[in-house]
Amino acid sequence: MKNENEQIQVGMQVKWTSQTQGVSKEKFGTVYAIVEARKNAFGALPLGLTRAQIKFDTPFAGHKRYIVEIPRGGKSTKSDYYCPRMTDLQLAGADVGKVKQMVVEDEGHFL
């Protein structure tokens, strides 16, 4: 039987728990891109983002990763982009299918 994380695809809603300064918070978002091992995760991000919208700082990793988009909400039309640990992700709902599929297979660009 496949691990639930191996079934996660672009466009699916996911959740995970993040922790900072001793405070845990559950986050919900949509998988924006899948980044294969040793590929540049920054290359999978949409152009024109500010640094404040990018909530991770490791461009390369030795394992497959998921970039998750979380809209800021309120009057803002911006989203933030996270790259949580694959083992922390859980499916949170049905496939929303609104995000263009992107699998990063080349190095892309650097910010």
C-alpha atoms as a PDB file:
ATOM      1  CA  MET A   1       0.000   0.000   0.000  1.00  0.00           C
ATOM      2  CA  LYS A   2       1.313   3.445  -0.899  1.00  0.00           C
ATOM      3  CA  ASN A   3       2.079   6.056   1.690  1.00  0.00           C
ATOM      4  CA  GLU A   4      -0.574   8.825   1.684  1.00  0.00           C
ATOM      5  CA  ASN A   5       2.149  11.392   0.873  1.00  0.00           C
ATOM      6  CA  GLU A   6       3.044   9.549  -2.330  1.00  0.00           C
ATOM      7  CA  GLN A   7      -0.528  10.119  -3.556  1.00  0.00           C
ATOM      8  CA  ILE A   8      -0.378  13.904  -3.135  1.00  0.00           C
ATOM      9  CA  GLN A   9      -0.586  15.698  -6.478  1.00  0.00           C
ATOM     10  CA  VAL A  10      -0.555  19.290  -7.690  1.00  0.00           C
ATOM     11  CA  GLY A  11      -3.900  20.959  -6.972  1.00  0.00           C
ATOM     12  CA  MET A  12      -4.730  18.892  -3.882  1.00  0.00           C
ATOM     13  CA  GLN A  13      -5.503  20.507  -0.570  1.00  0.00           C
ATOM     14  CA  VAL A  14      -3.092  19.584   2.208  1.00  0.00           C
ATOM     15  CA  LYS A  15      -2.517  20.421   5.847  1.00  0.00           C
ATOM     16  CA  TRP A  16       0.374  20.261   8.272  1.00  0.00           C
ATOM     17  CA  THR A  17       1.324  21.568  11.676  1.00  0.00           C
ATOM     18  CA  SER A  18       4.092  24.135  11.893  1.00  0.00           C
ATOM     19  CA  GLN A  19       5.794  25.245  15.052  1.00  0.00           C
ATOM     20  CA  THR A  20       7.618  28.454  15.810  1.00  0.00           C
ATOM     21  CA  GLN A  21       8.726  29.815  19.168  1.00  0.00           C
ATOM     22  CA  GLY A  22       6.847  27.052  20.977  1.00  0.00           C
ATOM     23  CA  VAL A  23       3.502  27.771  19.280  1.00  0.00           C
ATOM     24  CA  SER A  24       1.945  25.130  17.013  1.00  0.00           C
ATOM     25  CA  LYS A  25      -0.341  26.171  14.170  1.00  0.00           C
ATOM     26  CA  GLU A  26      -2.201  24.033  11.656  1.00  0.00           C
ATOM     27  CA  LYS A  27      -1.805  25.300   8.089  1.00  0.00           C
ATOM     28  CA  PHE A  28      -3.981  24.505   5.076  1.00  0.00           C
ATOM     29  CA  GLY A  29      -3.055  25.111   1.454  1.00  0.00           C
ATOM     30  CA  THR A  30      -2.993  23.834  -2.106  1.00  0.00           C
ATOM     31  CA  VAL A  31      -0.057  21.963  -3.615  1.00  0.00           C
ATOM     32  CA  TYR A  32       1.368  24.368  -6.196  1.00  0.00           C
ATOM     33  CA  ALA A  33       4.348  22.326  -7.407  1.00  0.00           C
ATOM     34  CA  ILE A  34       6.259  19.111  -6.879  1.00  0.00           C
ATOM     35  CA  VAL A  35      10.029  19.525  -6.800  1.00  0.00           C
ATOM     36  CA  GLU A  36      12.091  16.433  -7.481  1.00  0.00           C
ATOM     37  CA  ALA A  37      15.236  15.669  -5.447  1.00  0.00           C
ATOM     38  CA  ARG A  38      18.271  17.876  -6.141  1.00  0.00           C
ATOM     39  CA  LYS A  39      16.212  20.372  -8.187  1.00  0.00           C
ATOM     40  CA  ASN A  40      15.856  24.089  -7.476  1.00  0.00           C
ATOM     41  CA  ALA A  41      12.626  24.726  -5.557  1.00  0.00           C
ATOM     42  CA  PHE A  42      12.839  28.475  -6.259  1.00  0.00           C
ATOM     43  CA  GLY A  43      12.527  27.659  -9.959  1.00  0.00           C
ATOM     44  CA  ALA A  44       9.014  26.319  -9.323  1.00  0.00           C
ATOM     45  CA  LEU A  45       7.713  29.561  -7.824  1.00  0.00           C
ATOM     46  CA  PRO A  46       5.660  32.044  -9.835  1.00  0.00           C
ATOM     47  CA  LEU A  47       7.551  35.060 -11.140  1.00  0.00           C
ATOM     48  CA  GLY A  48       7.097  38.399  -9.409  1.00  0.00           C
ATOM     49  CA  LEU A  49       6.909  37.204  -5.814  1.00  0.00           C
ATOM     50  CA  THR A  50       8.370  39.311  -3.040  1.00  0.00           C
ATOM     51  CA  ARG A  51      10.797  37.672  -0.621  1.00  0.00           C
ATOM     52  CA  ALA A  52       8.148  38.026   2.100  1.00  0.00           C
ATOM     53  CA  GLN A  53       5.861  35.649   0.174  1.00  0.00           C
ATOM     54  CA  ILE A  54       8.464  32.864   0.126  1.00  0.00           C
ATOM     55  CA  LYS A  55       8.336  31.019   3.441  1.00  0.00           C
ATOM     56  CA  PHE A  56      11.294  28.667   2.930  1.00  0.00           C
ATOM     57  CA  ASP A  57      14.976  29.210   2.256  1.00  0.00           C
ATOM     58  CA  THR A  58      16.424  25.940   0.963  1.00  0.00           C
ATOM     59  CA  PRO A  59      16.621  25.836  -2.848  1.00  0.00           C
ATOM     60  CA  PHE A  60      18.016  22.284  -3.127  1.00  0.00           C
ATOM     61  CA  ALA A  61      17.349  19.110  -1.138  1.00  0.00           C
ATOM     62  CA  GLY A  62      18.199  15.463  -1.534  1.00  0.00           C
ATOM     63  CA  HIS A  63      14.539  14.417  -1.466  1.00  0.00           C
ATOM     64  CA  LYS A  64      11.280  15.196  -3.273  1.00  0.00           C
ATOM     65  CA  ARG A  65       9.398  18.217  -1.905  1.00  0.00           C
ATOM     66  CA  TYR A  66       6.053  19.933  -2.288  1.00  0.00           C
ATOM     67  CA  ILE A  67       5.503  23.678  -2.578  1.00  0.00           C
ATOM     68  CA  VAL A  68       2.223  24.680  -0.970  1.00  0.00           C
ATOM     69  CA  GLU A  69       0.335  27.916  -1.733  1.00  0.00           C
ATOM     70  CA  ILE A  70      -1.640  29.578   1.054  1.00  0.00           C
ATOM     71  CA  PRO A  71      -3.695  32.691   0.191  1.00  0.00           C
ATOM     72  CA  ARG A  72      -3.179  35.500   2.705  1.00  0.00           C
ATOM     73  CA  GLY A  73      -6.900  36.205   2.943  1.00  0.00           C
ATOM     74  CA  GLY A  74      -8.748  39.386   3.755  1.00  0.00           C
ATOM     75  CA  LYS A  75      -8.413  42.035   1.069  1.00  0.00           C
ATOM     76  CA  SER A  76      -5.026  40.741  -0.050  1.00  0.00           C
ATOM     77  CA  THR A  77      -4.825  38.928  -3.360  1.00  0.00           C
ATOM     78  CA  LYS A  78      -1.338  37.607  -2.539  1.00  0.00           C
ATOM     79  CA  SER A  79      -0.385  34.107  -1.486  1.00  0.00           C
ATOM     80  CA  ASP A  80       2.515  32.787   0.533  1.00  0.00           C
ATOM     81  CA  TYR A  81       4.505  29.734  -0.581  1.00  0.00           C
ATOM     82  CA  TYR A  82       5.735  27.119   1.882  1.00  0.00           C
ATOM     83  CA  CYS A  83       7.825  23.993   1.450  1.00  0.00           C
ATOM     84  CA  PRO A  84       6.924  21.791   4.445  1.00  0.00           C
ATOM     85  CA  ARG A  85       8.504  18.428   5.110  1.00  0.00           C
ATOM     86  CA  MET A  86       6.864  15.775   2.976  1.00  0.00           C
ATOM     87  CA  THR A  87       6.376  13.561   6.025  1.00  0.00           C
ATOM     88  CA  ASP A  88       4.369  16.327   7.746  1.00  0.00           C
ATOM     89  CA  LEU A  89       1.789  16.690   4.947  1.00  0.00           C
ATOM     90  CA  GLN A  90      -1.681  15.164   5.107  1.00  0.00           C
ATOM     91  CA  LEU A  91      -4.511  15.357   2.609  1.00  0.00           C
ATOM     92  CA  ALA A  92      -7.018  17.976   3.757  1.00  0.00           C
ATOM     93  CA  GLY A  93      -9.745  17.756   1.151  1.00  0.00           C
ATOM     94  CA  ALA A  94     -10.675  16.974  -2.408  1.00  0.00           C
ATOM     95  CA  ASP A  95      -8.512  17.775  -5.415  1.00  0.00           C
ATOM     96  CA  VAL A  96      -9.342  21.389  -6.244  1.00  0.00           C
ATOM     97  CA  GLY A  97      -7.856  21.229  -9.723  1.00  0.00           C
ATOM     98  CA  LYS A  98      -7.404  25.001 -10.055  1.00  0.00           C
ATOM     99  CA  VAL A  99      -3.620  25.082 -10.030  1.00  0.00           C
ATOM    100  CA  LYS A 100      -1.647  24.382 -13.200  1.00  0.00           C
ATOM    101  CA  GLN A 101       0.422  21.237 -12.816  1.00  0.00           C
ATOM    102  CA  MET A 102       4.114  21.878 -12.455  1.00  0.00           C
ATOM    103  CA  VAL A 103       6.825  19.332 -11.775  1.00  0.00           C
ATOM    104  CA  VAL A 104      10.301  20.844 -11.649  1.00  0.00           C
ATOM    105  CA  GLU A 105      12.758  18.724 -13.578  1.00  0.00           C
ATOM    106  CA  ASP A 106      15.430  21.309 -14.365  1.00  0.00           C
ATOM    107  CA  GLU A 107      17.181  23.882 -12.214  1.00  0.00           C
ATOM    108  CA  GLY A 108      14.985  26.857 -13.127  1.00  0.00           C
ATOM    109  CA  HIS A 109      16.018  30.284 -11.877  1.00  0.00           C
ATOM    110  CA  PHE A 110      17.416  31.687  -8.658  1.00  0.00           C
ATOM    111  CA  LEU A 111      15.874  34.523  -6.687  1.00  0.00           C
END
